Amino acid sequence: MQKIRIKNRTEIEKMKRSGQAAAKVLHTIANAIQPGVTTYELEMVSRKAIAELNATSSFLGYEIPDHPPYPATICVSVNDIVIHGIPDVKEVLKEGDIIGVDTAVNIDGYHGDNAYTFPVGKTTPDAQKLLEVTKESLYAAISEAKPGNRMGDVSYQLQNVAEEAGFSVLQNFSGHGIGRHLHEEPQVPTNGKPGRGVRLRPGMVLAIEAMVNAGQSSVDILDDGWRVTTSDGSLSALFEHTVAILSDGPEILTGSPIWENQ
């Protein structure tokens, strides 16, 4: 089992630089989202933004066992795609869609990772509620990411806020530690019990992900080995921040104006 890597203040400052760069890429993509745009066009926006920041994509070419290398710099998950949606020149955004955009970059050997789900034009009240609740669950989880708490305290908030609103969370996917590697220990489940799991310590840095389905929690992995879709065809939303655990509580390393203005 991989060891949990504790970061010092210098490393956390480097990760904040990467986190802010990832947030800027996400913000740039947000400004390009509108009906009629293809998800491949968003990929091109991402590539340009990453290059202008002198960063490298954490996703492009990423490999996990039994999967082909990931072919893009962002994940774009439209409507019932939960995570890992691949940009496609034929995928055209329509009024009322929702699109989850996940971007991560590497600067000076450290990664920053964030995601946000956007409405395309004006969406339905039900879809808007899903977005609001998913975002709320992420911030509730972040508030528990402090020394002395356990991972279950974080995960419980992801689950409880979603389920109290009548939604469900993914059971078999999770957030993760992050640092010199995009994915590190510990895992950050989307469901849990307070007081259980890994004890949180200053210097841990977590990519906390809220992944919420409007319908049932069950999902399917499509033939490309990457895209995960809701089994019942319901909408799904994703919000993610990279968060450092400091002695006085959590610090969000990927904050940007989109989180306040959307």
Protein backbone atom coordinates (compact mmCIF):
# COMPACT_ATOMS: atom_id res chain seq x y z
CA MET A 1 0.00 0.00 0.00
CA GLN A 2 1.25 3.46 -0.93
CA LYS A 3 2.35 5.71 1.92
CA ILE A 4 0.48 8.96 2.58
CA ARG A 5 2.82 11.78 1.61
CA ILE A 6 2.87 14.70 4.06
CA LYS A 7 3.78 18.01 2.39
CA ASN A 8 5.73 20.82 4.01
CA ARG A 9 4.79 24.49 3.61
CA THR A 10 7.13 24.95 0.63
CA GLU A 11 5.53 22.04 -1.17
CA ILE A 12 2.04 23.30 -0.39
CA GLU A 13 2.95 26.70 -1.83
CA LYS A 14 4.13 24.97 -5.02
CA MET A 15 0.88 23.03 -5.12
CA LYS A 16 -1.04 26.26 -4.68
CA ARG A 17 0.68 27.60 -7.77
CA SER A 18 -0.40 24.48 -9.68
CA GLY A 19 -3.87 24.68 -8.18
CA GLN A 20 -4.29 28.30 -9.23
CA ALA A 21 -3.14 27.42 -12.74
CA ALA A 22 -5.68 24.58 -12.94
CA ALA A 23 -8.35 27.01 -11.74
CA LYS A 24 -7.39 29.53 -14.43
CA VAL A 25 -7.68 26.85 -17.11
CA LEU A 26 -11.12 25.90 -15.79
CA HIS A 27 -12.17 29.57 -15.73
CA THR A 28 -11.03 30.04 -19.34
CA ILE A 29 -13.01 26.98 -20.44
CA ALA A 30 -16.07 28.25 -18.55
CA ASN A 31 -16.05 31.40 -20.67
CA ALA A 32 -16.20 29.29 -23.85
CA ILE A 33 -19.17 27.12 -22.84
CA GLN A 34 -22.32 27.91 -24.81
CA PRO A 35 -24.83 26.14 -27.08
CA GLY A 36 -23.31 25.10 -30.39
CA VAL A 37 -19.76 24.63 -29.08
CA THR A 38 -18.25 21.15 -29.36
CA THR A 39 -16.45 19.51 -26.49
CA TYR A 40 -13.41 19.22 -28.79
CA GLU A 41 -13.37 23.01 -29.10
CA LEU A 42 -13.23 23.17 -25.29
CA GLU A 43 -10.24 20.82 -25.43
CA MET A 44 -8.50 23.25 -27.79
CA VAL A 45 -9.24 26.12 -25.39
CA SER A 46 -7.72 24.05 -22.59
CA ARG A 47 -4.55 23.24 -24.53
CA LYS A 48 -3.98 26.90 -25.34
CA ALA A 49 -4.59 27.99 -21.75
CA ILE A 50 -2.24 25.34 -20.34
CA ALA A 51 0.52 26.35 -22.75
CA GLU A 52 0.13 30.03 -21.87
CA LEU A 53 0.61 29.16 -18.20
CA ASN A 54 3.81 27.21 -18.96
CA ALA A 55 2.15 24.19 -17.39
CA THR A 56 1.65 20.61 -18.59
CA SER A 57 -1.55 18.61 -18.55
CA SER A 58 -1.85 16.00 -15.81
CA PHE A 59 -4.40 14.06 -17.87
CA LEU A 60 -2.99 13.84 -21.40
CA GLY A 61 -1.44 10.40 -21.84
CA TYR A 62 -2.34 9.33 -18.30
CA GLU A 63 -2.34 5.56 -17.95
CA ILE A 64 -4.06 3.19 -15.58
CA PRO A 65 -4.10 -0.63 -15.86
CA ASP A 66 -6.25 -2.09 -18.63
CA HIS A 67 -7.02 1.34 -20.11
CA PRO A 68 -5.69 3.08 -23.21
CA PRO A 69 -3.78 6.31 -22.42
CA TYR A 70 -6.16 9.19 -21.79
CA PRO A 71 -6.27 11.21 -25.05
CA ALA A 72 -7.09 14.75 -23.84
CA THR A 73 -6.15 17.52 -21.39
CA ILE A 74 -9.63 17.74 -19.86
CA CYS A 75 -12.53 15.46 -19.01
CA VAL A 76 -15.85 16.77 -20.28
CA SER A 77 -18.86 14.92 -18.91
CA VAL A 78 -22.20 15.94 -20.44
CA ASN A 79 -25.57 15.15 -18.82
CA ASP A 80 -25.56 11.44 -17.86
CA ILE A 81 -21.78 11.06 -18.20
CA VAL A 82 -20.53 11.04 -14.63
CA ILE A 83 -16.76 11.31 -15.07
CA HIS A 84 -13.98 10.87 -17.65
CA GLY A 85 -15.93 12.11 -20.66
CA ILE A 86 -13.59 12.46 -23.66
CA PRO A 87 -13.74 15.59 -25.87
CA ASP A 88 -15.25 14.82 -29.26
CA VAL A 89 -15.54 16.94 -32.39
CA LYS A 90 -19.05 15.48 -32.92
CA GLU A 91 -20.34 16.27 -29.43
CA VAL A 92 -22.18 19.60 -29.68
CA LEU A 93 -23.46 21.30 -26.54
CA LYS A 94 -27.17 22.13 -26.51
CA GLU A 95 -29.22 24.64 -24.56
CA GLY A 96 -30.18 23.05 -21.24
CA ASP A 97 -27.30 20.57 -21.08
CA ILE A 98 -25.02 20.38 -18.08
CA ILE A 99 -21.31 19.75 -18.53
CA GLY A 100 -18.77 18.71 -15.93
CA VAL A 101 -15.26 19.95 -16.77
CA ASP A 102 -12.32 18.40 -14.93
CA THR A 103 -8.85 19.83 -15.46
CA ALA A 104 -5.50 19.22 -13.80
CA VAL A 105 -2.04 20.62 -14.49
CA ASN A 106 1.53 20.06 -13.39
CA ILE A 107 3.92 22.91 -12.62
CA ASP A 108 7.38 22.31 -11.19
CA GLY A 109 6.57 18.68 -10.44
CA TYR A 110 3.34 19.24 -8.48
CA HIS A 111 -0.26 18.74 -9.57
CA GLY A 112 -3.40 20.80 -9.07
CA ASP A 113 -6.81 19.30 -9.85
CA ASN A 114 -10.31 20.83 -9.96
CA ALA A 115 -13.70 20.34 -11.58
CA TYR A 116 -16.95 22.24 -11.95
CA THR A 117 -20.28 21.40 -13.59
CA PHE A 118 -21.76 24.21 -15.68
CA PRO A 119 -25.21 24.76 -17.16
CA VAL A 120 -25.22 25.31 -20.91
CA GLY A 121 -27.42 28.34 -21.36
CA LYS A 122 -30.57 28.04 -19.26
CA THR A 123 -31.15 24.61 -17.77
CA THR A 124 -34.10 23.09 -15.90
CA PRO A 125 -34.87 23.75 -12.22
CA ASP A 126 -34.18 20.08 -11.44
CA ALA A 127 -30.76 20.23 -13.10
CA GLN A 128 -29.97 23.50 -11.33
CA LYS A 129 -30.86 21.93 -7.98
CA LEU A 130 -28.49 19.04 -8.73
CA LEU A 131 -25.66 21.48 -9.41
CA GLU A 132 -26.34 23.50 -6.27
CA VAL A 133 -26.56 20.45 -4.00
CA THR A 134 -23.42 18.85 -5.41
CA LYS A 135 -21.45 22.05 -4.92
CA GLU A 136 -22.88 22.39 -1.40
CA SER A 137 -21.83 18.83 -0.56
CA LEU A 138 -18.26 19.58 -1.64
CA TYR A 139 -17.97 22.61 0.61
CA ALA A 140 -19.55 20.71 3.51
CA ALA A 141 -16.90 18.02 3.05
CA ILE A 142 -14.07 20.56 2.84
CA SER A 143 -15.18 22.08 6.15
CA GLU A 144 -14.44 18.72 7.81
CA ALA A 145 -10.93 18.42 6.30
CA LYS A 146 -9.05 19.49 9.43
CA PRO A 147 -6.50 17.90 11.74
CA GLY A 148 -7.88 15.36 14.18
CA ASN A 149 -10.91 14.50 12.08
CA ARG A 150 -11.10 11.28 10.12
CA MET A 151 -11.73 10.65 6.46
CA GLY A 152 -15.20 9.39 7.30
CA ASP A 153 -16.12 12.87 8.53
CA VAL A 154 -15.29 14.27 5.07
CA SER A 155 -16.95 11.44 3.15
CA TYR A 156 -20.09 11.54 5.28
CA GLN A 157 -20.74 15.14 4.25
CA LEU A 158 -20.42 14.27 0.56
CA GLN A 159 -23.00 11.54 1.04
CA ASN A 160 -25.34 13.14 3.56
CA VAL A 161 -25.89 16.47 1.79
CA ALA A 162 -26.64 14.68 -1.49
CA GLU A 163 -28.93 12.05 -0.01
CA GLU A 164 -30.84 14.57 2.13
CA ALA A 165 -31.75 16.30 -1.14
CA GLY A 166 -32.97 13.04 -2.70
CA PHE A 167 -29.88 12.34 -4.81
CA SER A 168 -27.28 9.55 -4.72
CA VAL A 169 -23.48 9.41 -4.70
CA LEU A 170 -21.10 7.15 -6.58
CA GLN A 171 -20.05 4.11 -4.59
CA ASN A 172 -17.02 2.82 -6.49
CA PHE A 173 -15.14 6.02 -7.36
CA SER A 174 -13.47 8.46 -5.03
CA GLY A 175 -11.33 11.53 -4.59
CA HIS A 176 -7.67 11.08 -3.77
CA GLY A 177 -4.49 12.41 -2.31
CA ILE A 178 -2.45 14.56 -4.67
CA GLY A 179 1.07 15.98 -4.87
CA ARG A 180 4.00 14.91 -7.03
CA HIS A 181 1.62 12.29 -8.40
CA LEU A 182 -1.87 13.07 -9.65
CA HIS A 183 -3.29 10.19 -7.63
CA GLU A 184 -1.81 9.43 -4.22
CA GLU A 185 -3.04 7.93 -0.97
CA PRO A 186 -5.36 8.35 0.81
CA GLN A 187 -8.55 7.68 -1.09
CA VAL A 188 -11.41 10.10 -0.37
CA PRO A 189 -14.64 8.08 -0.68
CA THR A 190 -17.93 9.77 -1.50
CA ASN A 191 -19.67 7.91 1.31
CA GLY A 192 -18.66 7.15 4.87
CA LYS A 193 -19.37 7.27 8.58
CA PRO A 194 -18.19 10.01 10.93
CA GLY A 195 -15.27 9.02 13.13
CA ARG A 196 -14.09 6.26 10.79
CA GLY A 197 -11.13 5.98 8.45
CA VAL A 198 -7.73 7.63 8.16
CA ARG A 199 -6.87 10.27 10.75
CA LEU A 200 -6.34 13.65 9.03
CA ARG A 201 -3.02 15.39 9.67
CA PRO A 202 -1.47 18.75 8.76
CA GLY A 203 0.37 18.48 5.44
CA MET A 204 -2.09 16.13 3.76
CA VAL A 205 -3.34 17.44 0.42
CA LEU A 206 -6.56 15.99 -0.94
CA ALA A 207 -8.46 16.25 -4.20
CA ILE A 208 -11.98 16.09 -2.76
CA GLU A 209 -14.62 15.17 -5.35
CA ALA A 210 -18.39 15.47 -5.04
CA MET A 211 -19.95 13.10 -7.60
CA VAL A 212 -23.73 13.12 -7.40
CA ASN A 213 -26.41 11.45 -9.53
CA ALA A 214 -29.97 12.73 -9.83
CA GLY A 215 -31.18 9.12 -9.93
CA GLN A 216 -29.67 5.87 -8.73
CA SER A 217 -26.03 5.44 -7.72
CA SER A 218 -25.26 2.60 -10.15
CA VAL A 219 -23.05 3.42 -13.15
CA ASP A 220 -21.65 1.73 -16.25
CA ILE A 221 -18.23 2.03 -17.87
CA LEU A 222 -18.47 2.47 -21.64
CA ASP A 223 -16.49 0.57 -24.25
CA ASP A 224 -13.69 3.16 -24.48
CA GLY A 225 -12.70 2.14 -20.94
CA TRP A 226 -12.91 5.70 -19.63
CA ARG A 227 -16.40 7.19 -19.75
CA VAL A 228 -18.61 6.40 -16.78
CA THR A 229 -22.35 6.92 -17.25
CA THR A 230 -25.37 6.64 -14.98
CA SER A 231 -27.06 3.28 -15.48
CA ASP A 232 -30.54 4.83 -15.44
CA GLY A 233 -29.71 7.73 -17.77
CA SER A 234 -30.16 10.35 -15.05
CA LEU A 235 -28.10 13.53 -14.86
CA SER A 236 -24.86 13.60 -12.90
CA ALA A 237 -22.73 16.45 -11.53
CA LEU A 238 -19.08 16.74 -10.46
CA PHE A 239 -17.37 19.40 -8.35
CA GLU A 240 -13.79 19.11 -7.09
CA HIS A 241 -11.20 21.17 -5.23
CA THR A 242 -7.60 20.49 -4.25
CA VAL A 243 -7.44 21.11 -0.50
CA ALA A 244 -4.45 21.33 1.86
CA ILE A 245 -4.98 20.39 5.50
CA LEU A 246 -3.17 22.95 7.65
CA SER A 247 -2.80 23.13 11.42
CA ASP A 248 -5.67 25.65 11.57
CA GLY A 249 -7.94 23.91 9.06
CA PRO A 250 -8.43 23.44 5.31
CA GLU A 251 -7.03 25.71 2.60
CA ILE A 252 -8.53 25.47 -0.89
CA LEU A 253 -5.66 25.60 -3.40
CA THR A 254 -7.87 25.79 -6.51
CA GLY A 255 -10.18 28.67 -5.66
CA SER A 256 -11.25 31.04 -8.45
CA PRO A 257 -14.06 33.52 -9.23
CA ILE A 258 -16.19 30.90 -10.99
CA TRP A 259 -16.99 29.31 -7.64
CA GLU A 260 -18.51 32.54 -6.37
CA ASN A 261 -20.09 33.85 -9.56
CA GLN A 262 -21.82 30.86 -11.10
